[in-house]
Amino acid sequence: MGLLIRGRDLSDAETDEVVRIIEKNSDLTISCIIDEESDLERVFARKMGKEEQPVIAGEVVSQAIEGITEDTALIYKGNLRSGQDISSEKSIVILGDVKPGANVTSFGSIFILGELRGNAFAGASGDRKSVIMALELDPIQIRIAETIAISPDAEKGNKIKVKRKKLLKDAGNVPEVAYIENGHIVKTSYGTSFLRQFYKI
């Protein structure tokens, strides 16, 4: 669950304390803090009115917003259900779940702020550096460029498990990411150890 704090700017320590108190006194798990910024909201509102709506499963869906700039990503707000497909030549950000039977295809990377239980195809143009990230990564099938991994629970096809990288600590509620390593799709927790492989941090 995401937490939006309004009305007062909090320091990192204050934010951590608020999250700790909420998690201690409820059954909620806070996975992200949403930073409300009015300038950002104005950019989104301006772009929503100007940008063309993407086509999803043959119909225009008003919840989809085509990029903040022409060079970024397609942003879709809502869940994708069985039979729904979304595709883009850009990276895709989904603010919701991808249910079994739904398909997401991107020439770039795919970021799901929810659960991935359907099919995802990143790097559809052959980009082996593309990644698939979700708060919970439990897909039927994922594909990055020409490399495919299929869930052992899938009814048809080869039973290929996504290789899991060993983690030193329990991941808890950390987002998961799939990427290509040594010709295989690897699934691991998203964090600094993952980022160090690609960027100097």
Protein backbone atom coordinates (compact mmCIF):
# COMPACT_ATOMS: atom_id res chain seq x y z
CA MET A 1 0.00 0.00 0.00
CA GLY A 2 1.20 3.49 -0.79
CA LEU A 3 1.04 6.34 1.72
CA LEU A 4 0.33 9.94 0.71
CA ILE A 5 1.16 12.56 3.35
CA ARG A 6 -0.44 15.97 2.81
CA GLY A 7 -0.31 19.31 4.55
CA ARG A 8 3.20 19.15 5.95
CA ASP A 9 6.68 18.40 4.65
CA LEU A 10 8.23 15.63 6.74
CA SER A 11 11.88 14.76 7.11
CA ASP A 12 13.01 11.23 6.23
CA ALA A 13 13.15 10.37 9.94
CA GLU A 14 9.61 11.67 10.51
CA THR A 15 8.32 9.75 7.49
CA ASP A 16 9.99 6.54 8.74
CA GLU A 17 8.39 7.06 12.15
CA VAL A 18 4.91 7.52 10.61
CA VAL A 19 5.33 4.33 8.56
CA ARG A 20 6.59 2.41 11.60
CA ILE A 21 3.61 3.50 13.71
CA ILE A 22 1.08 2.63 10.98
CA GLU A 23 2.59 -0.82 10.40
CA LYS A 24 2.87 -1.51 14.14
CA ASN A 25 -0.74 -0.56 14.88
CA SER A 26 -2.48 -2.05 11.84
CA ASP A 27 -2.35 -4.91 9.36
CA LEU A 28 -1.13 -2.54 6.65
CA THR A 29 2.26 -2.77 4.98
CA ILE A 30 3.46 0.49 3.46
CA SER A 31 5.46 -0.27 0.31
CA CYS A 32 5.97 3.29 -0.90
CA ILE A 33 5.57 6.92 0.10
CA ILE A 34 3.84 9.05 -2.53
CA ASP A 35 5.35 12.50 -2.72
CA GLU A 36 2.65 14.98 -3.66
CA GLU A 37 4.06 17.78 -5.75
CA SER A 38 1.72 20.31 -7.30
CA ASP A 39 4.07 21.10 -10.23
CA LEU A 40 4.09 17.43 -11.19
CA GLU A 41 0.30 17.27 -10.99
CA ARG A 42 0.06 20.28 -13.32
CA VAL A 43 2.34 18.54 -15.83
CA PHE A 44 0.18 15.41 -15.72
CA ALA A 45 -3.03 17.41 -16.13
CA ARG A 46 -1.61 19.39 -19.02
CA LYS A 47 -0.41 16.25 -20.79
CA MET A 48 -3.70 14.41 -20.24
CA GLY A 49 -5.49 17.07 -22.24
CA LYS A 50 -2.97 17.23 -25.08
CA GLU A 51 -1.73 13.69 -25.62
CA GLU A 52 -3.43 11.10 -27.80
CA GLN A 53 -5.00 8.20 -25.89
CA PRO A 54 -3.38 4.78 -26.57
CA VAL A 55 -5.42 1.89 -27.93
CA ILE A 56 -5.84 -1.01 -25.53
CA ALA A 57 -7.51 -4.24 -26.67
CA GLY A 58 -9.11 -2.44 -29.60
CA GLU A 59 -10.67 0.45 -27.72
CA VAL A 60 -9.56 3.80 -26.41
CA VAL A 61 -9.16 3.70 -22.65
CA SER A 62 -9.35 7.06 -20.95
CA GLN A 63 -7.24 5.86 -18.02
CA ALA A 64 -4.11 5.60 -20.16
CA ILE A 65 -1.88 8.62 -20.44
CA GLU A 66 0.69 8.67 -23.22
CA GLY A 67 3.93 9.87 -21.67
CA ILE A 68 4.91 12.99 -19.82
CA THR A 69 7.24 13.82 -22.71
CA GLU A 70 7.61 12.21 -26.08
CA ASP A 71 10.70 10.34 -24.92
CA THR A 72 9.49 8.71 -21.72
CA ALA A 73 6.85 6.03 -21.19
CA LEU A 74 3.24 5.10 -21.62
CA ILE A 75 1.50 5.29 -18.24
CA TYR A 76 -1.65 3.22 -17.65
CA LYS A 77 -3.77 3.71 -14.54
CA GLY A 78 -5.89 0.68 -13.59
CA ASN A 79 -5.84 -3.11 -13.64
CA LEU A 80 -5.46 -5.12 -16.84
CA ARG A 81 -7.83 -8.09 -16.84
CA SER A 82 -7.96 -11.30 -18.86
CA GLY A 83 -8.27 -10.54 -22.57
CA GLN A 84 -6.91 -6.99 -22.27
CA ASP A 85 -3.67 -6.13 -24.06
CA ILE A 86 -1.50 -3.03 -23.94
CA SER A 87 1.51 -2.39 -26.13
CA SER A 88 3.86 0.50 -26.83
CA GLU A 89 7.11 1.30 -28.58
CA LYS A 90 8.07 3.06 -25.33
CA SER A 91 8.55 1.68 -21.84
CA ILE A 92 5.28 1.04 -19.99
CA VAL A 93 4.34 1.97 -16.41
CA ILE A 94 1.17 0.33 -15.06
CA LEU A 95 -0.39 1.72 -11.89
CA GLY A 96 -2.32 -1.44 -11.03
CA ASP A 97 -2.25 -5.22 -11.46
CA VAL A 98 -1.84 -7.35 -14.57
CA LYS A 99 -4.21 -10.29 -14.10
CA PRO A 100 -3.84 -13.78 -15.66
CA GLY A 101 -4.79 -13.66 -19.35
CA ALA A 102 -3.72 -10.01 -19.77
CA ASN A 103 -0.73 -9.12 -21.95
CA VAL A 104 1.76 -6.24 -21.80
CA THR A 105 4.24 -5.69 -24.66
CA SER A 106 6.89 -2.96 -24.76
CA PHE A 107 9.91 -2.16 -26.92
CA GLY A 108 11.45 -0.87 -23.67
CA SER A 109 11.06 -1.92 -20.04
CA ILE A 110 7.86 -2.67 -18.11
CA PHE A 111 7.21 -1.31 -14.60
CA ILE A 112 4.12 -2.54 -12.74
CA LEU A 113 3.16 -0.83 -9.49
CA GLY A 114 1.08 -3.84 -8.57
CA GLU A 115 1.10 -7.57 -9.18
CA LEU A 116 2.12 -9.23 -12.47
CA ARG A 117 0.20 -12.48 -12.94
CA GLY A 118 -0.35 -12.28 -16.70
CA ASN A 119 2.13 -12.13 -19.57
CA ALA A 120 4.81 -9.49 -20.08
CA PHE A 121 7.11 -9.00 -23.08
CA ALA A 122 9.79 -6.34 -22.61
CA GLY A 123 12.42 -5.47 -25.19
CA ALA A 124 10.10 -6.52 -28.02
CA SER A 125 12.43 -4.79 -30.48
CA GLY A 126 15.31 -7.01 -29.32
CA ASP A 127 16.61 -4.82 -26.45
CA ARG A 128 18.24 -7.33 -24.06
CA LYS A 129 18.84 -4.55 -21.48
CA SER A 130 15.10 -4.14 -20.86
CA VAL A 131 13.71 -5.22 -17.49
CA ILE A 132 10.34 -6.22 -16.06
CA MET A 133 9.66 -4.92 -12.56
CA ALA A 134 6.59 -5.42 -10.34
CA LEU A 135 5.70 -5.16 -6.69
CA GLU A 136 4.92 -8.89 -6.98
CA LEU A 137 6.32 -10.80 -9.94
CA ASP A 138 4.33 -14.02 -10.45
CA PRO A 139 3.76 -14.12 -14.22
CA ILE A 140 2.38 -16.86 -16.44
CA GLN A 141 5.02 -15.98 -19.03
CA ILE A 142 7.64 -13.29 -19.33
CA ARG A 143 9.84 -12.54 -22.28
CA ILE A 144 12.74 -10.16 -22.59
CA ALA A 145 14.00 -9.79 -26.18
CA GLU A 146 14.24 -13.38 -27.46
CA THR A 147 14.52 -15.02 -24.01
CA ILE A 148 11.34 -16.59 -22.59
CA ALA A 149 10.45 -17.92 -19.13
CA ILE A 150 7.17 -19.71 -18.46
CA SER A 151 5.63 -20.40 -15.07
CA PRO A 152 5.55 -24.06 -14.03
CA ASP A 153 1.82 -23.50 -13.41
CA ALA A 154 1.13 -22.58 -17.05
CA GLU A 155 -1.14 -25.06 -18.83
CA LYS A 156 0.86 -25.26 -22.07
CA GLY A 157 4.39 -24.90 -23.30
CA ASN A 158 7.79 -25.61 -21.88
CA LYS A 159 8.01 -25.55 -18.12
CA ILE A 160 10.83 -23.07 -17.63
CA LYS A 161 11.25 -21.51 -14.24
CA VAL A 162 12.55 -18.01 -13.85
CA LYS A 163 15.88 -18.42 -12.09
CA ARG A 164 15.92 -16.74 -8.69
CA LYS A 165 19.08 -15.04 -7.55
CA LYS A 166 19.99 -15.88 -3.98
CA LEU A 167 19.52 -13.00 -1.59
CA LEU A 168 21.42 -12.50 1.64
CA LYS A 169 18.40 -11.11 3.46
CA ASP A 170 14.68 -11.80 3.32
CA ALA A 171 13.28 -9.46 0.70
CA GLY A 172 10.05 -8.72 2.57
CA ASN A 173 7.86 -6.37 0.53
CA VAL A 174 10.54 -5.27 -1.90
CA PRO A 175 9.68 -4.96 -5.59
CA GLU A 176 10.97 -7.74 -7.83
CA VAL A 177 12.72 -7.38 -11.15
CA ALA A 178 13.42 -9.78 -14.01
CA TYR A 179 16.28 -9.23 -16.44
CA ILE A 180 18.63 -11.21 -18.67
CA GLU A 181 21.86 -12.52 -17.17
CA ASN A 182 24.06 -15.07 -18.96
CA GLY A 183 21.31 -15.84 -21.46
CA HIS A 184 18.66 -16.60 -18.81
CA ILE A 185 15.89 -14.54 -17.28
CA VAL A 186 16.78 -13.92 -13.65
CA LYS A 187 14.33 -12.74 -10.97
CA THR A 188 15.64 -10.86 -7.95
CA SER A 189 14.69 -8.12 -5.50
CA TYR A 190 14.93 -4.56 -6.76
CA GLY A 191 17.38 -2.57 -4.67
CA THR A 192 20.91 -1.24 -4.50
CA SER A 193 22.52 -4.63 -5.24
CA PHE A 194 20.51 -4.85 -8.47
CA LEU A 195 21.22 -1.23 -9.40
CA ARG A 196 24.98 -1.64 -8.85
CA GLN A 197 25.05 -4.12 -11.72
CA PHE A 198 23.96 -1.42 -14.16
CA TYR A 199 24.89 1.93 -12.64
CA LYS A 200 27.61 3.34 -10.42
CA ILE A 201 25.86 4.17 -7.15
